[in-house]
All heavy atoms as atom14 arrays in JSON, in Angstrom:
{
  "sequence": "LVESGGGLVQAGGSLRLSCAASGSIFSFKAIIW",
  "atom14_mask": [
    [1, 1, 1, 1, 1, 1, 1, 1, 0, 0, 0, 0, 0, 0],
    [1, 1, 1, 1, 1, 1, 1, 0, 0, 0, 0, 0, 0, 0],
    [1, 1, 1, 1, 1, 1, 1, 1, 1, 0, 0, 0, 0, 0],
    [1, 1, 1, 1, 1, 1, 0, 0, 0, 0, 0, 0, 0, 0],
    [1, 1, 1, 1, 0, 0, 0, 0, 0, 0, 0, 0, 0, 0],
    [1, 1, 1, 1, 0, 0, 0, 0, 0, 0, 0, 0, 0, 0],
    [1, 1, 1, 1, 0, 0, 0, 0, 0, 0, 0, 0, 0, 0],
    [1, 1, 1, 1, 1, 1, 1, 1, 0, 0, 0, 0, 0, 0],
    [1, 1, 1, 1, 1, 1, 1, 0, 0, 0, 0, 0, 0, 0],
    [1, 1, 1, 1, 1, 1, 1, 1, 1, 0, 0, 0, 0, 0],
    [1, 1, 1, 1, 1, 0, 0, 0, 0, 0, 0, 0, 0, 0],
    [1, 1, 1, 1, 0, 0, 0, 0, 0, 0, 0, 0, 0, 0],
    [1, 1, 1, 1, 0, 0, 0, 0, 0, 0, 0, 0, 0, 0],
    [1, 1, 1, 1, 1, 1, 0, 0, 0, 0, 0, 0, 0, 0],
    [1, 1, 1, 1, 1, 1, 1, 1, 0, 0, 0, 0, 0, 0],
    [1, 1, 1, 1, 1, 1, 1, 1, 1, 1, 1, 0, 0, 0],
    [1, 1, 1, 1, 1, 1, 1, 1, 0, 0, 0, 0, 0, 0],
    [1, 1, 1, 1, 1, 1, 0, 0, 0, 0, 0, 0, 0, 0],
    [1, 1, 1, 1, 1, 1, 0, 0, 0, 0, 0, 0, 0, 0],
    [1, 1, 1, 1, 1, 0, 0, 0, 0, 0, 0, 0, 0, 0],
    [1, 1, 1, 1, 1, 0, 0, 0, 0, 0, 0, 0, 0, 0],
    [1, 1, 1, 1, 1, 1, 0, 0, 0, 0, 0, 0, 0, 0],
    [1, 1, 1, 1, 0, 0, 0, 0, 0, 0, 0, 0, 0, 0],
    [1, 1, 1, 1, 1, 1, 0, 0, 0, 0, 0, 0, 0, 0],
    [1, 1, 1, 1, 1, 1, 1, 1, 0, 0, 0, 0, 0, 0],
    [1, 1, 1, 1, 1, 1, 1, 1, 1, 1, 1, 0, 0, 0],
    [1, 1, 1, 1, 1, 1, 0, 0, 0, 0, 0, 0, 0, 0],
    [1, 1, 1, 1, 1, 1, 1, 1, 1, 1, 1, 0, 0, 0],
    [1, 1, 1, 1, 1, 1, 1, 1, 1, 0, 0, 0, 0, 0],
    [1, 1, 1, 1, 1, 0, 0, 0, 0, 0, 0, 0, 0, 0],
    [1, 1, 1, 1, 1, 1, 1, 1, 0, 0, 0, 0, 0, 0],
    [1, 1, 1, 1, 1, 1, 1, 1, 0, 0, 0, 0, 0, 0],
    [1, 1, 1, 1, 1, 1, 1, 1, 1, 1, 1, 1, 1, 1]
  ],
  "atom14_positions": [
    [[1.86, 122.16, -20.21], [1.47, 121.23, -19.17], [1.16, 122.0, -17.9], [1.94, 122.86, -17.49], [2.58, 120.21, -18.91], [3.05, 119.4, -20.12], [4.28, 118.57, -19.75], [1.94, 118.48, -20.61], [0.0, 0.0, 0.0], [0.0, 0.0, 0.0], [0.0, 0.0, 0.0], [0.0, 0.0, 0.0], [0.0, 0.0, 0.0], [0.0, 0.0, 0.0]],
    [[0.03, 121.7, -17.27], [-0.4, 122.4, -16.07], [-0.68, 121.4, -14.97], [-1.49, 120.48, -15.14], [-1.66, 123.25, -16.35], [-2.12, 123.95, -15.07], [-1.38, 124.27, -17.44], [0.0, 0.0, 0.0], [0.0, 0.0, 0.0], [0.0, 0.0, 0.0], [0.0, 0.0, 0.0], [0.0, 0.0, 0.0], [0.0, 0.0, 0.0], [0.0, 0.0, 0.0]],
    [[-0.02, 121.6, -13.82], [-0.16, 120.7, -12.68], [-1.27, 121.19, -11.75], [-1.47, 122.39, -11.58], [1.15, 120.63, -11.89], [2.38, 120.25, -12.71], [3.13, 121.45, -13.26], [2.56, 122.57, -13.32], [4.32, 121.27, -13.63], [0.0, 0.0, 0.0], [0.0, 0.0, 0.0], [0.0, 0.0, 0.0], [0.0, 0.0, 0.0], [0.0, 0.0, 0.0]],
    [[-1.94, 120.25, -11.1], [-2.94, 120.58, -10.1], [-3.12, 119.39, -9.17], [-2.63, 118.3, -9.44], [-4.27, 120.96, -10.75], [-4.82, 119.87, -11.47], [0.0, 0.0, 0.0], [0.0, 0.0, 0.0], [0.0, 0.0, 0.0], [0.0, 0.0, 0.0], [0.0, 0.0, 0.0], [0.0, 0.0, 0.0], [0.0, 0.0, 0.0], [0.0, 0.0, 0.0]],
    [[-3.83, 119.61, -8.08], [-4.2, 118.53, -7.17], [-3.44, 118.47, -5.87], [-3.75, 117.62, -5.02], [0.0, 0.0, 0.0], [0.0, 0.0, 0.0], [0.0, 0.0, 0.0], [0.0, 0.0, 0.0], [0.0, 0.0, 0.0], [0.0, 0.0, 0.0], [0.0, 0.0, 0.0], [0.0, 0.0, 0.0], [0.0, 0.0, 0.0], [0.0, 0.0, 0.0]],
    [[-2.47, 119.35, -5.68], [-1.72, 119.34, -4.44], [-2.55, 119.81, -3.26], [-3.66, 120.31, -3.42], [0.0, 0.0, 0.0], [0.0, 0.0, 0.0], [0.0, 0.0, 0.0], [0.0, 0.0, 0.0], [0.0, 0.0, 0.0], [0.0, 0.0, 0.0], [0.0, 0.0, 0.0], [0.0, 0.0, 0.0], [0.0, 0.0, 0.0], [0.0, 0.0, 0.0]],
    [[-1.98, 119.67, -2.07], [-2.67, 120.09, -0.87], [-1.92, 119.68, 0.37], [-0.78, 119.21, 0.31], [0.0, 0.0, 0.0], [0.0, 0.0, 0.0], [0.0, 0.0, 0.0], [0.0, 0.0, 0.0], [0.0, 0.0, 0.0], [0.0, 0.0, 0.0], [0.0, 0.0, 0.0], [0.0, 0.0, 0.0], [0.0, 0.0, 0.0], [0.0, 0.0, 0.0]],
    [[-2.58, 119.85, 1.5], [-2.03, 119.5, 2.81], [-2.71, 118.24, 3.31], [-3.95, 118.19, 3.4], [-2.26, 120.65, 3.79], [-1.89, 120.4, 5.25], [-0.4, 120.14, 5.4], [-2.33, 121.58, 6.1], [0.0, 0.0, 0.0], [0.0, 0.0, 0.0], [0.0, 0.0, 0.0], [0.0, 0.0, 0.0], [0.0, 0.0, 0.0], [0.0, 0.0, 0.0]],
    [[-1.92, 117.22, 3.62], [-2.45, 115.96, 4.12], [-1.61, 115.47, 5.28], [-0.45, 115.85, 5.43], [-2.51, 114.87, 3.03], [-3.44, 115.27, 1.9], [-1.11, 114.58, 2.49], [0.0, 0.0, 0.0], [0.0, 0.0, 0.0], [0.0, 0.0, 0.0], [0.0, 0.0, 0.0], [0.0, 0.0, 0.0], [0.0, 0.0, 0.0], [0.0, 0.0, 0.0]],
    [[-2.2, 114.61, 6.1], [-1.46, 113.96, 7.17], [-0.69, 112.77, 6.64], [-1.04, 112.19, 5.61], [-2.41, 113.51, 8.28], [-3.08, 114.63, 9.03], [-3.9, 114.14, 10.2], [-3.88, 112.96, 10.55], [-4.62, 115.04, 10.84], [0.0, 0.0, 0.0], [0.0, 0.0, 0.0], [0.0, 0.0, 0.0], [0.0, 0.0, 0.0], [0.0, 0.0, 0.0]],
    [[0.39, 112.42, 7.35], [1.14, 111.22, 6.99], [0.21, 110.02, 6.9], [-0.67, 109.84, 7.75], [2.25, 110.97, 7.99], [0.0, 0.0, 0.0], [0.0, 0.0, 0.0], [0.0, 0.0, 0.0], [0.0, 0.0, 0.0], [0.0, 0.0, 0.0], [0.0, 0.0, 0.0], [0.0, 0.0, 0.0], [0.0, 0.0, 0.0], [0.0, 0.0, 0.0]],
    [[0.41, 109.23, 5.86], [-0.45, 108.09, 5.61], [-1.61, 108.38, 4.69], [-2.28, 107.45, 4.24], [0.0, 0.0, 0.0], [0.0, 0.0, 0.0], [0.0, 0.0, 0.0], [0.0, 0.0, 0.0], [0.0, 0.0, 0.0], [0.0, 0.0, 0.0], [0.0, 0.0, 0.0], [0.0, 0.0, 0.0], [0.0, 0.0, 0.0], [0.0, 0.0, 0.0]],
    [[-1.83, 109.65, 4.38], [-2.92, 110.03, 3.5], [-2.56, 109.9, 2.04], [-1.46, 109.47, 1.68], [0.0, 0.0, 0.0], [0.0, 0.0, 0.0], [0.0, 0.0, 0.0], [0.0, 0.0, 0.0], [0.0, 0.0, 0.0], [0.0, 0.0, 0.0], [0.0, 0.0, 0.0], [0.0, 0.0, 0.0], [0.0, 0.0, 0.0], [0.0, 0.0, 0.0]],
    [[-3.5, 110.31, 1.19], [-3.36, 110.16, -0.26], [-3.74, 111.44, -0.98], [-4.57, 112.23, -0.5], [-4.25, 109.02, -0.77], [-3.88, 107.77, -0.22], [0.0, 0.0, 0.0], [0.0, 0.0, 0.0], [0.0, 0.0, 0.0], [0.0, 0.0, 0.0], [0.0, 0.0, 0.0], [0.0, 0.0, 0.0], [0.0, 0.0, 0.0], [0.0, 0.0, 0.0]],
    [[-3.13, 111.63, -2.14], [-3.48, 112.69, -3.06], [-3.34, 112.17, -4.48], [-2.52, 111.28, -4.73], [-2.56, 113.91, -2.91], [-2.75, 114.84, -1.71], [-1.6, 115.84, -1.67], [-4.08, 115.56, -1.79], [0.0, 0.0, 0.0], [0.0, 0.0, 0.0], [0.0, 0.0, 0.0], [0.0, 0.0, 0.0], [0.0, 0.0, 0.0], [0.0, 0.0, 0.0]],
    [[-4.11, 112.74, -5.4], [-3.92, 112.47, -6.81], [-3.62, 113.77, -7.53], [-4.43, 114.7, -7.55], [-5.15, 111.81, -7.44], [-4.87, 111.34, -8.89], [-6.03, 110.64, -9.53], [-7.1, 111.56, -9.92], [-8.04, 111.29, -10.8], [-8.06, 110.09, -11.4], [-8.98, 112.18, -11.07], [0.0, 0.0, 0.0], [0.0, 0.0, 0.0], [0.0, 0.0, 0.0]],
    [[-2.44, 113.84, -8.13], [-2.03, 115.0, -8.91], [-2.4, 114.8, -10.37], [-2.37, 113.68, -10.88], [-0.53, 115.23, -8.79], [0.06, 115.33, -7.38], [1.54, 115.67, -7.46], [-0.7, 116.35, -6.55], [0.0, 0.0, 0.0], [0.0, 0.0, 0.0], [0.0, 0.0, 0.0], [0.0, 0.0, 0.0], [0.0, 0.0, 0.0], [0.0, 0.0, 0.0]],
    [[-2.71, 115.91, -11.05], [-3.04, 115.88, -12.46], [-2.07, 116.74, -13.25], [-1.66, 117.8, -12.78], [-4.46, 116.38, -12.7], [-5.42, 115.55, -12.08], [0.0, 0.0, 0.0], [0.0, 0.0, 0.0], [0.0, 0.0, 0.0], [0.0, 0.0, 0.0], [0.0, 0.0, 0.0], [0.0, 0.0, 0.0], [0.0, 0.0, 0.0], [0.0, 0.0, 0.0]],
    [[-1.72, 116.28, -14.42], [-0.89, 117.02, -15.37], [-1.68, 117.1, -16.66], [-1.75, 116.13, -17.42], [0.44, 116.3, -15.57], [1.52, 117.01, -16.82], [0.0, 0.0, 0.0], [0.0, 0.0, 0.0], [0.0, 0.0, 0.0], [0.0, 0.0, 0.0], [0.0, 0.0, 0.0], [0.0, 0.0, 0.0], [0.0, 0.0, 0.0], [0.0, 0.0, 0.0]],
    [[-2.3, 118.25, -16.89], [-3.18, 118.44, -18.04], [-2.42, 119.1, -19.17], [-1.8, 120.15, -18.99], [-4.39, 119.28, -17.65], [0.0, 0.0, 0.0], [0.0, 0.0, 0.0], [0.0, 0.0, 0.0], [0.0, 0.0, 0.0], [0.0, 0.0, 0.0], [0.0, 0.0, 0.0], [0.0, 0.0, 0.0], [0.0, 0.0, 0.0], [0.0, 0.0, 0.0]],
    [[-2.48, 118.51, -20.35], [-1.79, 119.02, -21.52], [-2.74, 119.82, -22.4], [-3.9, 119.44, -22.58], [-1.18, 117.88, -22.32], [0.0, 0.0, 0.0], [0.0, 0.0, 0.0], [0.0, 0.0, 0.0], [0.0, 0.0, 0.0], [0.0, 0.0, 0.0], [0.0, 0.0, 0.0], [0.0, 0.0, 0.0], [0.0, 0.0, 0.0], [0.0, 0.0, 0.0]],
    [[-2.24, 120.93, -22.95], [-3.04, 121.74, -23.87], [-3.16, 121.11, -25.25], [-3.98, 121.55, -26.05], [-2.43, 123.14, -23.98], [-1.12, 123.09, -24.53], [0.0, 0.0, 0.0], [0.0, 0.0, 0.0], [0.0, 0.0, 0.0], [0.0, 0.0, 0.0], [0.0, 0.0, 0.0], [0.0, 0.0, 0.0], [0.0, 0.0, 0.0], [0.0, 0.0, 0.0]],
    [[-2.36, 120.11, -25.52], [-2.41, 119.36, -26.76], [-2.21, 117.89, -26.47], [-2.41, 117.43, -25.34], [0.0, 0.0, 0.0], [0.0, 0.0, 0.0], [0.0, 0.0, 0.0], [0.0, 0.0, 0.0], [0.0, 0.0, 0.0], [0.0, 0.0, 0.0], [0.0, 0.0, 0.0], [0.0, 0.0, 0.0], [0.0, 0.0, 0.0], [0.0, 0.0, 0.0]],
    [[-1.79, 117.16, -27.48], [-1.62, 115.72, -27.33], [-0.42, 115.39, -26.46], [0.68, 115.9, -26.69], [-1.46, 115.06, -28.69], [-1.19, 113.68, -28.56], [0.0, 0.0, 0.0], [0.0, 0.0, 0.0], [0.0, 0.0, 0.0], [0.0, 0.0, 0.0], [0.0, 0.0, 0.0], [0.0, 0.0, 0.0], [0.0, 0.0, 0.0], [0.0, 0.0, 0.0]],
    [[-0.62, 114.51, -25.49], [0.5, 114.04, -24.68], [1.43, 113.17, -25.51], [2.58, 112.94, -25.1], [0.03, 113.27, -23.43], [-0.83, 112.07, -23.82], [-0.72, 114.2, -22.49], [-1.23, 111.2, -22.64], [0.0, 0.0, 0.0], [0.0, 0.0, 0.0], [0.0, 0.0, 0.0], [0.0, 0.0, 0.0], [0.0, 0.0, 0.0], [0.0, 0.0, 0.0]],
    [[0.97, 112.71, -26.65], [1.8, 111.87, -27.51], [2.76, 112.68, -28.37], [3.49, 112.11, -29.18], [0.92, 110.97, -28.38], [0.11, 110.0, -27.57], [-1.23, 110.25, -27.31], [0.7, 108.87, -27.04], [-1.98, 109.37, -26.56], [-0.04, 107.98, -26.28], [-1.38, 108.23, -26.03], [0.0, 0.0, 0.0], [0.0, 0.0, 0.0], [0.0, 0.0, 0.0]],
    [[2.78, 114.01, -28.2], [3.81, 114.83, -28.8], [5.15, 114.67, -28.07], [6.17, 115.13, -28.56], [3.39, 116.3, -28.81], [3.23, 116.79, -27.5], [0.0, 0.0, 0.0], [0.0, 0.0, 0.0], [0.0, 0.0, 0.0], [0.0, 0.0, 0.0], [0.0, 0.0, 0.0], [0.0, 0.0, 0.0], [0.0, 0.0, 0.0], [0.0, 0.0, 0.0]],
    [[5.13, 114.03, -26.91], [6.33, 113.74, -26.13], [6.64, 112.25, -26.18], [5.74, 111.42, -26.29], [6.15, 114.16, -24.67], [5.83, 115.61, -24.48], [4.54, 116.03, -24.19], [6.82, 116.57, -24.56], [4.24, 117.36, -24.0], [6.54, 117.91, -24.38], [5.24, 118.3, -24.1], [0.0, 0.0, 0.0], [0.0, 0.0, 0.0], [0.0, 0.0, 0.0]],
    [[7.91, 111.92, -26.04], [8.3, 110.52, -25.88], [7.84, 109.97, -24.55], [7.56, 108.77, -24.42], [9.82, 110.36, -26.02], [10.35, 110.67, -27.4], [11.86, 110.58, -27.45], [12.35, 109.18, -27.14], [13.83, 109.07, -27.26], [0.0, 0.0, 0.0], [0.0, 0.0, 0.0], [0.0, 0.0, 0.0], [0.0, 0.0, 0.0], [0.0, 0.0, 0.0]],
    [[7.77, 110.85, -23.54], [7.35, 110.46, -22.21], [6.9, 111.7, -21.45], [7.25, 112.83, -21.81], [8.46, 109.76, -21.44], [0.0, 0.0, 0.0], [0.0, 0.0, 0.0], [0.0, 0.0, 0.0], [0.0, 0.0, 0.0], [0.0, 0.0, 0.0], [0.0, 0.0, 0.0], [0.0, 0.0, 0.0], [0.0, 0.0, 0.0], [0.0, 0.0, 0.0]],
    [[6.12, 111.49, -20.4], [5.77, 112.52, -19.43], [6.33, 112.08, -18.09], [6.16, 110.93, -17.69], [4.24, 112.72, -19.32], [3.64, 113.11, -20.67], [3.92, 113.76, -18.25], [4.04, 114.49, -21.15], [0.0, 0.0, 0.0], [0.0, 0.0, 0.0], [0.0, 0.0, 0.0], [0.0, 0.0, 0.0], [0.0, 0.0, 0.0], [0.0, 0.0, 0.0]],
    [[6.99, 113.02, -17.41], [7.69, 112.7, -16.17], [7.23, 113.64, -15.07], [7.1, 114.85, -15.28], [9.22, 112.82, -16.35], [9.7, 111.88, -17.46], [9.95, 112.5, -15.04], [11.13, 112.1, -17.89], [0.0, 0.0, 0.0], [0.0, 0.0, 0.0], [0.0, 0.0, 0.0], [0.0, 0.0, 0.0], [0.0, 0.0, 0.0], [0.0, 0.0, 0.0]],
    [[6.96, 113.08, -13.89], [6.72, 113.87, -12.69], [8.04, 114.09, -11.96], [8.83, 113.15, -11.8], [5.74, 113.17, -11.76], [4.3, 113.31, -12.16], [3.54, 112.39, -12.82], [3.45, 114.43, -11.9], [2.27, 112.88, -12.99], [2.19, 114.13, -12.44], [3.64, 115.66, -11.26], [1.1, 115.02, -12.36], [2.56, 116.54, -11.19], [1.32, 116.21, -11.73]]
  ]
}
């Protein structure tokens, strides 16, 4: 699993983080941030 999408933002702003899997995410019972 590889995380990306972080950065510097002001309070009140938004970001979308991504968790990309090298295989099926259904190999896990769950994915947790």
